[in-house]
Amino acid sequence: MMYPGYDALAAGDAALAQAAALMRVNTTETWLRRHLAHVAAAVPDVLDDRGDDTEPLSDEAPVLP
């Protein structure tokens, strides 16, 4: 079995292929959230809400030339 989603597609089983894809997305998202939580815990909280050190955006619309 190479990849369950591929095998399901090759067999023409759309429902199983979709389920395999959803499981892959879920496990990848879970891994990424855990990884980012560890990174966030290791970095001092010195950034604004946007996640960078730039000035906050103004509520005013930009003036175009």
C-alpha atoms as a PDB file:
ATOM      1  CA  MET A   1       0.000   0.000   0.000  1.00  0.00           C
ATOM      2  CA  MET A   2       1.677   3.179  -1.218  1.00  0.00           C
ATOM      3  CA  TYR A   3      -0.819   5.749   0.016  1.00  0.00           C
ATOM      4  CA  PRO A   4      -4.415   4.883   0.965  1.00  0.00           C
ATOM      5  CA  GLY A   5      -5.817   7.817  -1.006  1.00  0.00           C
ATOM      6  CA  TYR A   6      -3.948   6.806  -4.134  1.00  0.00           C
ATOM      7  CA  ASP A   7      -5.016   3.180  -3.795  1.00  0.00           C
ATOM      8  CA  ALA A   8      -8.645   4.269  -3.338  1.00  0.00           C
ATOM      9  CA  LEU A   9      -8.469   6.514  -6.410  1.00  0.00           C
ATOM     10  CA  ALA A  10      -6.862   3.751  -8.449  1.00  0.00           C
ATOM     11  CA  ALA A  11      -9.657   1.410  -7.375  1.00  0.00           C
ATOM     12  CA  GLY A  12     -12.303   4.000  -8.267  1.00  0.00           C
ATOM     13  CA  ASP A  13     -13.524   4.373  -4.687  1.00  0.00           C
ATOM     14  CA  ALA A  14     -14.206   8.118  -4.445  1.00  0.00           C
ATOM     15  CA  ALA A  15     -15.634   7.997  -0.915  1.00  0.00           C
ATOM     16  CA  LEU A  16     -12.602   6.158   0.464  1.00  0.00           C
ATOM     17  CA  ALA A  17     -10.248   8.516  -1.390  1.00  0.00           C
ATOM     18  CA  GLN A  18     -12.013  11.527   0.124  1.00  0.00           C
ATOM     19  CA  ALA A  19     -11.879   9.990   3.608  1.00  0.00           C
ATOM     20  CA  ALA A  20      -8.158   9.290   3.226  1.00  0.00           C
ATOM     21  CA  ALA A  21      -7.546  12.864   2.066  1.00  0.00           C
ATOM     22  CA  LEU A  22      -9.452  14.274   5.037  1.00  0.00           C
ATOM     23  CA  MET A  23      -7.483  12.098   7.444  1.00  0.00           C
ATOM     24  CA  ARG A  24      -4.217  13.279   5.892  1.00  0.00           C
ATOM     25  CA  VAL A  25      -5.253  16.940   6.189  1.00  0.00           C
ATOM     26  CA  ASN A  26      -6.314  16.400   9.803  1.00  0.00           C
ATOM     27  CA  THR A  27      -3.088  14.693  10.856  1.00  0.00           C
ATOM     28  CA  THR A  28      -0.990  17.314   9.059  1.00  0.00           C
ATOM     29  CA  GLU A  29      -2.935  20.129  10.731  1.00  0.00           C
ATOM     30  CA  THR A  30      -2.534  18.494  14.135  1.00  0.00           C
ATOM     31  CA  TRP A  31       1.223  18.104  13.608  1.00  0.00           C
ATOM     32  CA  LEU A  32       1.578  21.713  12.450  1.00  0.00           C
ATOM     33  CA  ARG A  33      -0.418  23.097  15.400  1.00  0.00           C
ATOM     34  CA  ARG A  34       1.754  21.155  17.860  1.00  0.00           C
ATOM     35  CA  HIS A  35       4.932  22.305  16.137  1.00  0.00           C
ATOM     36  CA  LEU A  36       3.815  25.944  16.121  1.00  0.00           C
ATOM     37  CA  ALA A  37       2.828  25.730  19.790  1.00  0.00           C
ATOM     38  CA  HIS A  38       6.373  24.639  20.649  1.00  0.00           C
ATOM     39  CA  VAL A  39       7.828  27.448  18.544  1.00  0.00           C
ATOM     40  CA  ALA A  40       5.509  30.033  20.092  1.00  0.00           C
ATOM     41  CA  ALA A  41       6.464  28.872  23.580  1.00  0.00           C
ATOM     42  CA  ALA A  42      10.154  29.306  22.755  1.00  0.00           C
ATOM     43  CA  VAL A  43       9.822  32.832  21.332  1.00  0.00           C
ATOM     44  CA  PRO A  44       9.321  35.835  23.626  1.00  0.00           C
ATOM     45  CA  ASP A  45       5.986  37.583  23.211  1.00  0.00           C
ATOM     46  CA  VAL A  46       7.266  40.856  21.731  1.00  0.00           C
ATOM     47  CA  LEU A  47       5.191  41.001  18.587  1.00  0.00           C
ATOM     48  CA  ASP A  48       1.880  42.735  17.982  1.00  0.00           C
ATOM     49  CA  ASP A  49      -1.359  40.908  17.114  1.00  0.00           C
ATOM     50  CA  ARG A  50      -0.407  40.647  13.441  1.00  0.00           C
ATOM     51  CA  GLY A  51       2.601  38.490  14.269  1.00  0.00           C
ATOM     52  CA  ASP A  52       5.307  40.831  13.046  1.00  0.00           C
ATOM     53  CA  ASP A  53       7.141  43.879  14.320  1.00  0.00           C
ATOM     54  CA  THR A  54       5.656  46.412  11.899  1.00  0.00           C
ATOM     55  CA  GLU A  55       3.451  49.294  12.917  1.00  0.00           C
ATOM     56  CA  PRO A  56      -0.255  48.431  13.299  1.00  0.00           C
ATOM     57  CA  LEU A  57      -2.398  49.176  10.276  1.00  0.00           C
ATOM     58  CA  SER A  58      -4.405  52.378  10.263  1.00  0.00           C
ATOM     59  CA  ASP A  59      -8.189  52.250  10.060  1.00  0.00           C
ATOM     60  CA  GLU A  60      -8.044  54.930   7.375  1.00  0.00           C
ATOM     61  CA  ALA A  61      -8.104  53.995   3.710  1.00  0.00           C
ATOM     62  CA  PRO A  62      -4.817  54.592   1.894  1.00  0.00           C
ATOM     63  CA  VAL A  63      -4.577  57.655  -0.323  1.00  0.00           C
ATOM     64  CA  LEU A  64      -3.735  56.659  -3.866  1.00  0.00           C
ATOM     65  CA  PRO A  65      -1.746  59.025  -6.114  1.00  0.00           C
END
